[in-house]
Amino acid sequence: MQTKPSRQSRPVNAPVVLGGECDHHGAHAVGGILMGYRSEVCGVLGVDNHDPEKFKELIGKIKLIGEEFLNQLGEGEVGWRNGVFMFHVEEWKWYPDNSVVIAWDAIWEMAAGMEGVSGIFIRIGEELEDNVMDYIGEDAYKLEDYACISRRIVFDDSVLGTKTTEEVQA
């Protein structure tokens, strides 16, 4: 008998805010316009061993529980096939009291209670240290092929390859 998948949080390379709550839910003034804190968010749910009957059950429950959530997603922001459901959004206000977030949380909790279902939830906030990565199920690590946090350095490469010691005259 399998046990109910447990909700787990795993820190990523930067300091992590666990449990999906953010230290900073304030607003920023940008160009005189007040804007809310926004996040990039991705959720992946998969059935273990790509079981087609379990997948039909999962998608049916997602459609039933998360109708409002699914209706808020645009073309290219949500999809499912071959045992995997996934959504990805950028620049979303991901507040705990937002109805879309409440609907996703209901989907996540439903999936956590299903035997043979695993998942990954990732949220990257505007602040460098505001990263959340949650896992459910025994095979969640297998879903990292679909979504994970990647760190990279972005830089101006116009200096690379140049070895000039000439001084600039003022």
N, C-alpha and C. Protein backbone atom coordinates (compact mmCIF):
# COMPACT_ATOMS: atom_id res chain seq x y z
N MET A 1 0.84 -1.19 0.00
CA MET A 1 0.00 0.00 0.00
C MET A 1 0.88 1.24 0.00
N GLN A 2 0.61 2.15 -0.92
CA GLN A 2 1.37 3.39 -0.97
C GLN A 2 0.80 4.38 0.03
N THR A 3 1.67 5.20 0.56
CA THR A 3 1.20 6.25 1.45
C THR A 3 0.85 7.47 0.63
N LYS A 4 0.06 8.34 1.21
CA LYS A 4 -0.33 9.59 0.55
C LYS A 4 0.93 10.41 0.28
N PRO A 5 1.09 10.92 -0.96
CA PRO A 5 2.26 11.75 -1.24
C PRO A 5 2.29 12.95 -0.31
N SER A 6 3.47 13.28 0.17
CA SER A 6 3.58 14.40 1.09
C SER A 6 4.04 15.63 0.33
N ARG A 7 3.62 16.79 0.81
CA ARG A 7 4.05 18.05 0.22
C ARG A 7 5.44 18.34 0.77
N GLN A 8 6.37 18.59 -0.12
CA GLN A 8 7.74 18.83 0.27
C GLN A 8 8.20 20.14 -0.33
N SER A 9 9.11 20.82 0.35
CA SER A 9 9.75 22.01 -0.19
C SER A 9 11.23 21.76 -0.23
N ARG A 10 11.88 22.17 -1.31
CA ARG A 10 13.31 22.00 -1.42
C ARG A 10 13.92 23.34 -1.76
N PRO A 11 14.93 23.77 -1.00
CA PRO A 11 15.56 25.04 -1.33
C PRO A 11 16.29 24.96 -2.67
N VAL A 12 16.33 26.08 -3.37
CA VAL A 12 17.10 26.18 -4.60
C VAL A 12 18.40 26.90 -4.27
N ASN A 13 19.17 27.26 -5.26
CA ASN A 13 20.50 27.83 -5.03
C ASN A 13 20.50 29.13 -4.25
N ALA A 14 19.47 29.93 -4.38
CA ALA A 14 19.38 31.18 -3.63
C ALA A 14 18.55 30.94 -2.38
N PRO A 15 18.59 31.84 -1.39
CA PRO A 15 17.71 31.68 -0.24
C PRO A 15 16.27 31.53 -0.70
N VAL A 16 15.51 30.74 0.02
CA VAL A 16 14.17 30.36 -0.44
C VAL A 16 13.12 30.79 0.56
N VAL A 17 11.97 31.19 0.05
CA VAL A 17 10.80 31.42 0.87
C VAL A 17 9.97 30.16 0.73
N LEU A 18 9.85 29.38 1.79
CA LEU A 18 9.15 28.11 1.71
C LEU A 18 7.66 28.26 1.92
N GLY A 19 6.91 27.30 1.41
CA GLY A 19 5.48 27.25 1.63
C GLY A 19 4.67 28.19 0.77
N GLY A 20 5.27 28.80 -0.21
CA GLY A 20 4.52 29.63 -1.14
C GLY A 20 4.18 31.01 -0.63
N GLU A 21 4.68 31.39 0.55
CA GLU A 21 4.38 32.73 1.05
C GLU A 21 5.58 33.63 0.82
N CYS A 22 5.34 34.82 0.45
CA CYS A 22 6.38 35.77 0.10
C CYS A 22 6.53 36.80 1.21
N ASP A 23 7.78 37.18 1.51
CA ASP A 23 8.03 38.22 2.51
C ASP A 23 7.49 39.56 2.07
N HIS A 24 7.43 39.77 0.77
CA HIS A 24 7.14 41.09 0.25
C HIS A 24 5.92 41.03 -0.66
N HIS A 25 4.80 41.52 -0.17
CA HIS A 25 3.59 41.59 -0.98
C HIS A 25 3.18 43.03 -1.22
N GLY A 26 4.13 43.93 -1.06
CA GLY A 26 3.83 45.35 -1.24
C GLY A 26 3.78 45.72 -2.70
N ALA A 27 3.71 47.00 -2.96
CA ALA A 27 3.66 47.50 -4.34
C ALA A 27 4.86 48.38 -4.58
N HIS A 28 5.25 48.51 -5.82
CA HIS A 28 6.37 49.35 -6.22
C HIS A 28 5.85 50.52 -7.04
N ALA A 29 6.44 51.70 -6.84
CA ALA A 29 6.11 52.83 -7.69
C ALA A 29 7.10 52.83 -8.84
N VAL A 30 6.61 52.72 -10.06
CA VAL A 30 7.45 52.71 -11.24
C VAL A 30 6.95 53.80 -12.17
N GLY A 31 7.78 54.80 -12.41
CA GLY A 31 7.38 55.89 -13.29
C GLY A 31 6.13 56.61 -12.82
N GLY A 32 5.94 56.67 -11.51
CA GLY A 32 4.77 57.35 -10.96
C GLY A 32 3.51 56.48 -10.95
N ILE A 33 3.59 55.27 -11.49
CA ILE A 33 2.44 54.36 -11.51
C ILE A 33 2.67 53.27 -10.47
N LEU A 34 1.68 53.03 -9.64
CA LEU A 34 1.79 52.00 -8.62
C LEU A 34 1.53 50.63 -9.24
N MET A 35 2.51 49.73 -9.10
CA MET A 35 2.38 48.41 -9.69
C MET A 35 2.53 47.37 -8.59
N GLY A 36 1.82 46.26 -8.69
CA GLY A 36 1.92 45.19 -7.71
C GLY A 36 3.11 44.29 -7.97
N TYR A 37 3.47 43.55 -6.98
CA TYR A 37 4.56 42.59 -7.05
C TYR A 37 4.16 41.46 -7.98
N ARG A 38 5.01 41.08 -8.89
CA ARG A 38 4.67 40.07 -9.90
C ARG A 38 5.67 38.92 -9.86
N SER A 39 5.21 37.76 -10.31
CA SER A 39 6.02 36.55 -10.28
C SER A 39 5.93 35.80 -11.60
N GLU A 40 6.95 34.98 -11.85
CA GLU A 40 6.89 33.97 -12.90
C GLU A 40 6.56 32.66 -12.19
N VAL A 41 5.59 31.92 -12.71
CA VAL A 41 5.07 30.75 -12.01
C VAL A 41 4.92 29.58 -12.99
N CYS A 42 5.26 28.38 -12.51
CA CYS A 42 5.10 27.18 -13.32
C CYS A 42 4.65 26.03 -12.42
N GLY A 43 3.70 25.27 -12.89
CA GLY A 43 3.25 24.07 -12.19
C GLY A 43 3.22 22.89 -13.13
N VAL A 44 3.71 21.74 -12.68
CA VAL A 44 3.72 20.52 -13.48
C VAL A 44 3.15 19.40 -12.63
N LEU A 45 2.16 18.71 -13.15
CA LEU A 45 1.60 17.53 -12.49
C LEU A 45 1.72 16.37 -13.46
N GLY A 46 2.15 15.24 -12.97
CA GLY A 46 2.30 14.07 -13.83
C GLY A 46 1.85 12.81 -13.14
N VAL A 47 1.35 11.88 -13.92
CA VAL A 47 0.97 10.58 -13.37
C VAL A 47 2.17 9.65 -13.51
N ASP A 48 2.43 8.90 -12.45
CA ASP A 48 3.54 7.97 -12.46
C ASP A 48 3.33 6.94 -13.56
N ASN A 49 4.39 6.61 -14.27
CA ASN A 49 4.37 5.63 -15.36
C ASN A 49 3.44 6.01 -16.50
N HIS A 50 3.06 7.27 -16.61
CA HIS A 50 2.19 7.77 -17.70
C HIS A 50 0.93 6.92 -17.86
N ASP A 51 0.35 6.50 -16.75
CA ASP A 51 -0.86 5.68 -16.75
C ASP A 51 -2.01 6.47 -17.38
N PRO A 52 -2.54 6.02 -18.55
CA PRO A 52 -3.57 6.80 -19.27
C PRO A 52 -4.88 6.93 -18.49
N GLU A 53 -5.28 5.92 -17.75
CA GLU A 53 -6.53 6.02 -16.98
C GLU A 53 -6.38 6.99 -15.82
N LYS A 54 -5.25 6.94 -15.14
CA LYS A 54 -4.98 7.87 -14.04
C LYS A 54 -4.89 9.30 -14.58
N PHE A 55 -4.32 9.46 -15.78
CA PHE A 55 -4.20 10.78 -16.38
C PHE A 55 -5.57 11.36 -16.71
N LYS A 56 -6.47 10.55 -17.27
CA LYS A 56 -7.84 11.01 -17.55
C LYS A 56 -8.52 11.44 -16.26
N GLU A 57 -8.31 10.69 -15.19
CA GLU A 57 -8.89 11.04 -13.88
C GLU A 57 -8.32 12.38 -13.40
N LEU A 58 -6.99 12.55 -13.49
CA LEU A 58 -6.35 13.78 -13.06
C LEU A 58 -6.87 14.99 -13.84
N ILE A 59 -6.91 14.89 -15.16
CA ILE A 59 -7.37 16.02 -15.99
C ILE A 59 -8.84 16.33 -15.71
N GLY A 60 -9.65 15.31 -15.52
CA GLY A 60 -11.06 15.52 -15.18
C GLY A 60 -11.21 16.30 -13.89
N LYS A 61 -10.42 15.94 -12.88
CA LYS A 61 -10.48 16.65 -11.60
C LYS A 61 -9.94 18.08 -11.72
N ILE A 62 -8.89 18.26 -12.51
CA ILE A 62 -8.36 19.62 -12.72
C ILE A 62 -9.42 20.50 -13.36
N LYS A 63 -10.10 19.97 -14.39
CA LYS A 63 -11.15 20.75 -15.06
C LYS A 63 -12.30 21.07 -14.11
N LEU A 64 -12.64 20.15 -13.23
CA LEU A 64 -13.75 20.36 -12.30
C LEU A 64 -13.36 21.36 -11.21
N ILE A 65 -12.23 21.15 -10.58
CA ILE A 65 -11.81 21.98 -9.44
C ILE A 65 -11.27 23.33 -9.91
N GLY A 66 -10.55 23.34 -11.04
CA GLY A 66 -9.82 24.53 -11.44
C GLY A 66 -10.38 25.26 -12.63
N GLU A 67 -11.68 25.24 -12.80
CA GLU A 67 -12.28 25.91 -13.97
C GLU A 67 -11.88 27.38 -14.05
N GLU A 68 -11.97 28.10 -12.93
CA GLU A 68 -11.60 29.52 -12.95
C GLU A 68 -10.12 29.69 -13.27
N PHE A 69 -9.29 28.82 -12.72
CA PHE A 69 -7.85 28.86 -12.99
C PHE A 69 -7.59 28.67 -14.49
N LEU A 70 -8.15 27.63 -15.07
CA LEU A 70 -7.95 27.33 -16.48
C LEU A 70 -8.47 28.45 -17.38
N ASN A 71 -9.59 29.08 -16.99
CA ASN A 71 -10.17 30.17 -17.78
C ASN A 71 -9.28 31.41 -17.80
N GLN A 72 -8.42 31.57 -16.80
CA GLN A 72 -7.53 32.74 -16.73
C GLN A 72 -6.27 32.55 -17.56
N LEU A 73 -5.97 31.33 -17.97
CA LEU A 73 -4.75 31.06 -18.72
C LEU A 73 -4.99 31.25 -20.21
N GLY A 74 -4.03 31.84 -20.87
CA GLY A 74 -4.16 32.08 -22.30
C GLY A 74 -3.53 30.97 -23.13
N GLU A 75 -3.66 31.13 -24.44
CA GLU A 75 -3.06 30.19 -25.39
C GLU A 75 -1.55 30.11 -25.12
N GLY A 76 -1.02 28.94 -25.02
CA GLY A 76 0.40 28.77 -24.78
C GLY A 76 0.80 28.84 -23.32
N GLU A 77 -0.17 29.03 -22.41
CA GLU A 77 0.16 29.09 -20.99
C GLU A 77 -0.23 27.81 -20.25
N VAL A 78 -0.96 26.92 -20.88
CA VAL A 78 -1.39 25.68 -20.23
C VAL A 78 -1.50 24.58 -21.29
N GLY A 79 -1.22 23.35 -20.87
CA GLY A 79 -1.36 22.23 -21.78
C GLY A 79 -1.24 20.91 -21.03
N TRP A 80 -1.65 19.84 -21.68
CA TRP A 80 -1.49 18.51 -21.10
C TRP A 80 -1.44 17.47 -22.20
N ARG A 81 -0.59 16.47 -22.00
CA ARG A 81 -0.49 15.33 -22.91
C ARG A 81 0.45 14.30 -22.31
N ASN A 82 0.29 13.07 -22.75
CA ASN A 82 1.17 11.97 -22.35
C ASN A 82 1.44 11.90 -20.85
N GLY A 83 0.41 12.11 -20.06
CA GLY A 83 0.55 11.95 -18.61
C GLY A 83 1.05 13.16 -17.87
N VAL A 84 1.20 14.31 -18.54
CA VAL A 84 1.73 15.51 -17.88
C VAL A 84 0.81 16.71 -18.14
N PHE A 85 0.46 17.42 -17.06
CA PHE A 85 -0.26 18.69 -17.11
C PHE A 85 0.74 19.77 -16.73
N MET A 86 0.74 20.90 -17.45
CA MET A 86 1.67 21.97 -17.12
C MET A 86 1.07 23.33 -17.42
N PHE A 87 1.41 24.30 -16.57
CA PHE A 87 1.11 25.70 -16.88
C PHE A 87 2.34 26.54 -16.58
N HIS A 88 2.45 27.67 -17.27
CA HIS A 88 3.55 28.61 -17.05
C HIS A 88 3.04 30.01 -17.37
N VAL A 89 3.22 30.93 -16.43
CA VAL A 89 2.82 32.32 -16.63
C VAL A 89 3.94 33.24 -16.16
N GLU A 90 4.00 34.40 -16.76
CA GLU A 90 4.97 35.43 -16.37
C GLU A 90 4.21 36.69 -15.98
N GLU A 91 4.83 37.47 -15.10
CA GLU A 91 4.27 38.76 -14.70
C GLU A 91 2.89 38.64 -14.07
N TRP A 92 2.67 37.61 -13.28
CA TRP A 92 1.39 37.42 -12.60
C TRP A 92 1.47 37.91 -11.17
N LYS A 93 0.38 38.47 -10.69
CA LYS A 93 0.26 38.83 -9.28
C LYS A 93 -0.16 37.55 -8.54
N TRP A 94 0.78 36.92 -7.88
CA TRP A 94 0.57 35.61 -7.25
C TRP A 94 0.42 35.80 -5.74
N TYR A 95 -0.71 36.39 -5.33
CA TYR A 95 -1.00 36.64 -3.93
C TYR A 95 -1.86 35.51 -3.36
N PRO A 96 -1.66 35.13 -2.11
CA PRO A 96 -2.42 34.02 -1.52
C PRO A 96 -3.94 34.22 -1.53
N ASP A 97 -4.42 35.47 -1.54
CA ASP A 97 -5.87 35.70 -1.51
C ASP A 97 -6.46 35.90 -2.91
N ASN A 98 -5.65 35.78 -3.95
CA ASN A 98 -6.12 35.90 -5.34
C ASN A 98 -6.92 34.64 -5.69
N SER A 99 -8.08 34.81 -6.31
CA SER A 99 -8.95 33.66 -6.61
C SER A 99 -8.29 32.64 -7.53
N VAL A 100 -7.44 33.08 -8.43
CA VAL A 100 -6.73 32.16 -9.32
C VAL A 100 -5.71 31.34 -8.52
N VAL A 101 -5.03 31.98 -7.59
CA VAL A 101 -4.06 31.28 -6.74
C VAL A 101 -4.79 30.28 -5.84
N ILE A 102 -5.93 30.68 -5.31
CA ILE A 102 -6.73 29.78 -4.47
C ILE A 102 -7.16 28.56 -5.29
N ALA A 103 -7.54 28.78 -6.56
CA ALA A 103 -7.94 27.67 -7.43
C ALA A 103 -6.75 26.75 -7.70
N TRP A 104 -5.56 27.32 -7.97
CA TRP A 104 -4.38 26.47 -8.17
C TRP A 104 -4.07 25.67 -6.91
N ASP A 105 -4.12 26.32 -5.75
CA ASP A 105 -3.86 25.62 -4.49
C ASP A 105 -4.80 24.44 -4.31
N ALA A 106 -6.05 24.59 -4.72
CA ALA A 106 -7.02 23.49 -4.63
C ALA A 106 -6.62 22.35 -5.56
N ILE A 107 -6.16 22.69 -6.77
CA ILE A 107 -5.67 21.67 -7.70
C ILE A 107 -4.47 20.95 -7.11
N TRP A 108 -3.52 21.71 -6.56
CA TRP A 108 -2.29 21.15 -5.98
C TRP A 108 -2.63 20.20 -4.83
N GLU A 109 -3.51 20.63 -3.94
CA GLU A 109 -3.89 19.80 -2.79
C GLU A 109 -4.63 18.54 -3.26
N MET A 110 -5.49 18.68 -4.26
CA MET A 110 -6.18 17.52 -4.82
C MET A 110 -5.17 16.52 -5.37
N ALA A 111 -4.20 17.02 -6.15
CA ALA A 111 -3.18 16.15 -6.74
C ALA A 111 -2.33 15.48 -5.66
N ALA A 112 -2.02 16.22 -4.60
CA ALA A 112 -1.23 15.66 -3.50
C ALA A 112 -1.94 14.49 -2.84
N GLY A 113 -3.26 14.50 -2.88
CA GLY A 113 -4.04 13.42 -2.28
C GLY A 113 -4.28 12.23 -3.19
N MET A 114 -3.86 12.34 -4.45
CA MET A 114 -4.06 11.24 -5.40
C MET A 114 -2.85 10.31 -5.40
N GLU A 115 -3.10 9.04 -5.26
CA GLU A 115 -2.03 8.06 -5.36
C GLU A 115 -1.55 7.99 -6.81
N GLY A 116 -0.23 7.94 -6.99
CA GLY A 116 0.33 7.82 -8.33
C GLY A 116 0.44 9.13 -9.10
N VAL A 117 0.34 10.26 -8.39
CA VAL A 117 0.49 11.57 -9.03
C VAL A 117 1.62 12.32 -8.33
N SER A 118 2.48 12.94 -9.12
CA SER A 118 3.59 13.74 -8.60
C SER A 118 3.50 15.14 -9.19
N GLY A 119 4.21 16.09 -8.57
CA GLY A 119 4.16 17.45 -9.08
C GLY A 119 5.31 18.32 -8.64
N ILE A 120 5.51 19.38 -9.40
CA ILE A 120 6.48 20.42 -9.08
C ILE A 120 5.76 21.76 -9.21
N PHE A 121 5.98 22.64 -8.25
CA PHE A 121 5.48 24.01 -8.32
C PHE A 121 6.68 24.94 -8.15
N ILE A 122 6.82 25.90 -9.07
CA ILE A 122 7.93 26.85 -9.02
C ILE A 122 7.38 28.26 -9.13
N ARG A 123 7.84 29.14 -8.24
CA ARG A 123 7.49 30.56 -8.34
C ARG A 123 8.75 31.37 -8.11
N ILE A 124 9.02 32.29 -9.04
CA ILE A 124 10.15 33.20 -8.92
C ILE A 124 9.59 34.60 -8.82
N GLY A 125 9.83 35.25 -7.69
CA GLY A 125 9.34 36.61 -7.47
C GLY A 125 10.30 37.64 -8.02
N GLU A 126 9.94 38.90 -7.88
CA GLU A 126 10.77 39.99 -8.36
C GLU A 126 12.06 40.12 -7.56
N GLU A 127 12.00 39.82 -6.29
CA GLU A 127 13.18 39.93 -5.44
C GLU A 127 14.09 38.72 -5.68
N LEU A 128 15.39 38.93 -5.73
CA LEU A 128 16.36 37.89 -6.04
C LEU A 128 16.20 36.66 -5.14
N GLU A 129 15.94 36.87 -3.87
CA GLU A 129 15.86 35.75 -2.92
C GLU A 129 14.47 35.11 -2.85
N ASP A 130 13.52 35.61 -3.59
CA ASP A 130 12.14 35.13 -3.52
C ASP A 130 11.89 34.02 -4.54
N ASN A 131 12.31 32.81 -4.20
CA ASN A 131 12.13 31.64 -5.05
C ASN A 131 11.45 30.54 -4.23
N VAL A 132 10.47 29.89 -4.83
CA VAL A 132 9.77 28.79 -4.17
C VAL A 132 9.77 27.60 -5.11
N MET A 133 10.08 26.44 -4.57
CA MET A 133 10.03 25.20 -5.34
C MET A 133 9.46 24.13 -4.43
N ASP A 134 8.23 23.67 -4.74
CA ASP A 134 7.55 22.65 -3.94
C ASP A 134 7.38 21.38 -4.75
N TYR A 135 7.41 20.25 -4.08
CA TYR A 135 7.27 18.95 -4.71
C TYR A 135 6.18 18.15 -4.02
N ILE A 136 5.47 17.33 -4.77
CA ILE A 136 4.58 16.31 -4.21
C ILE A 136 4.83 15.00 -4.95
N GLY A 137 4.59 13.91 -4.27
CA GLY A 137 4.67 12.59 -4.89
C GLY A 137 6.07 12.01 -4.93
N GLU A 138 6.10 10.73 -5.18
CA GLU A 138 7.36 9.99 -5.17
C GLU A 138 8.20 10.21 -6.42
N ASP A 139 7.59 10.56 -7.55
CA ASP A 139 8.33 10.71 -8.80
C ASP A 139 8.47 12.16 -9.25
N ALA A 140 8.36 13.10 -8.32
CA ALA A 140 8.43 14.52 -8.69
C ALA A 140 9.75 14.86 -9.38
N TYR A 141 10.83 14.26 -8.95
CA TYR A 141 12.13 14.56 -9.54
C TYR A 141 12.15 14.27 -11.05
N LYS A 142 11.33 13.32 -11.50
CA LYS A 142 11.27 13.00 -12.93
C LYS A 142 10.65 14.14 -13.74
N LEU A 143 9.91 15.01 -13.08
CA LEU A 143 9.26 16.12 -13.77
C LEU A 143 10.19 17.30 -14.00
N GLU A 144 11.40 17.26 -13.44
CA GLU A 144 12.35 18.36 -13.63
C GLU A 144 12.81 18.48 -15.08
N ASP A 145 12.51 17.48 -15.91
CA ASP A 145 12.78 17.61 -17.35
C ASP A 145 11.81 18.61 -17.97
N TYR A 146 10.67 18.84 -17.34
CA TYR A 146 9.66 19.77 -17.85
C TYR A 146 9.83 21.18 -17.29
N ALA A 147 10.31 21.31 -16.06
CA ALA A 147 10.46 22.63 -15.44
C ALA A 147 11.46 22.58 -14.30
N CYS A 148 12.30 23.57 -14.23
CA CYS A 148 13.24 23.73 -13.13
C CYS A 148 13.73 25.18 -13.14
N ILE A 149 14.38 25.59 -12.06
CA ILE A 149 14.97 26.92 -12.00
C ILE A 149 16.38 26.81 -12.54
N SER A 150 16.73 27.71 -13.44
CA SER A 150 18.05 27.73 -14.03
C SER A 150 18.72 29.05 -13.68
N ARG A 151 19.94 28.99 -13.18
CA ARG A 151 20.68 30.20 -12.88
C ARG A 151 21.70 30.43 -13.99
N ARG A 152 21.84 31.69 -14.40
CA ARG A 152 22.83 32.03 -15.40
C ARG A 152 23.26 33.47 -15.19
N ILE A 153 24.40 33.79 -15.74
CA ILE A 153 24.91 35.16 -15.68
C ILE A 153 24.64 35.81 -17.03
N VAL A 154 24.04 36.99 -17.01
CA VAL A 154 23.80 37.77 -18.22
C VAL A 154 24.81 38.91 -18.20
N PHE A 155 25.55 39.06 -19.28
CA PHE A 155 26.60 40.07 -19.29
C PHE A 155 26.78 40.66 -20.68
N ASP A 156 27.46 41.81 -20.74
CA ASP A 156 27.78 42.48 -22.00
C ASP A 156 29.09 41.90 -22.50
N ASP A 157 29.04 41.15 -23.58
CA ASP A 157 30.25 40.48 -24.07
C ASP A 157 31.07 41.34 -25.04
N SER A 158 30.76 42.62 -25.15
CA SER A 158 31.49 43.48 -26.10
C SER A 158 32.94 43.69 -25.68
N VAL A 159 33.27 43.47 -24.42
CA VAL A 159 34.64 43.66 -23.94
C VAL A 159 35.46 42.39 -24.15
N LEU A 160 34.82 41.24 -24.11
CA LEU A 160 35.54 39.98 -24.24
C LEU A 160 36.25 39.90 -25.59
N GLY A 161 37.47 39.43 -25.56
CA GLY A 161 38.26 39.32 -26.78
C GLY A 161 39.04 40.58 -27.11
N THR A 162 38.74 41.69 -26.44
CA THR A 162 39.43 42.96 -26.66
C THR A 162 40.55 43.07 -25.63
N LYS A 163 41.75 43.39 -26.13
CA LYS A 163 42.90 43.54 -25.22
C LYS A 163 43.60 44.85 -25.54
N THR A 164 42.89 45.94 -25.31
CA THR A 164 43.40 47.26 -25.62
C THR A 164 43.71 47.97 -24.33
N THR A 165 44.89 48.57 -24.26
CA THR A 165 45.26 49.33 -23.06
C THR A 165 45.32 50.82 -23.33
N GLU A 166 44.78 51.24 -24.48
CA GLU A 166 44.79 52.66 -24.81
C GLU A 166 43.91 53.41 -23.82
N GLU A 167 44.39 54.54 -23.40
CA GLU A 167 43.62 55.36 -22.48
C GLU A 167 42.70 56.29 -23.26
N VAL A 168 41.58 56.54 -22.69
CA VAL A 168 40.62 57.45 -23.31
C VAL A 168 41.03 58.86 -22.98
N GLN A 169 41.15 59.72 -24.01
CA GLN A 169 41.50 61.13 -23.81
C GLN A 169 40.24 61.94 -23.56
N ALA A 170 40.30 62.79 -22.54
CA ALA A 170 39.13 63.60 -22.21
C ALA A 170 39.15 64.92 -22.94
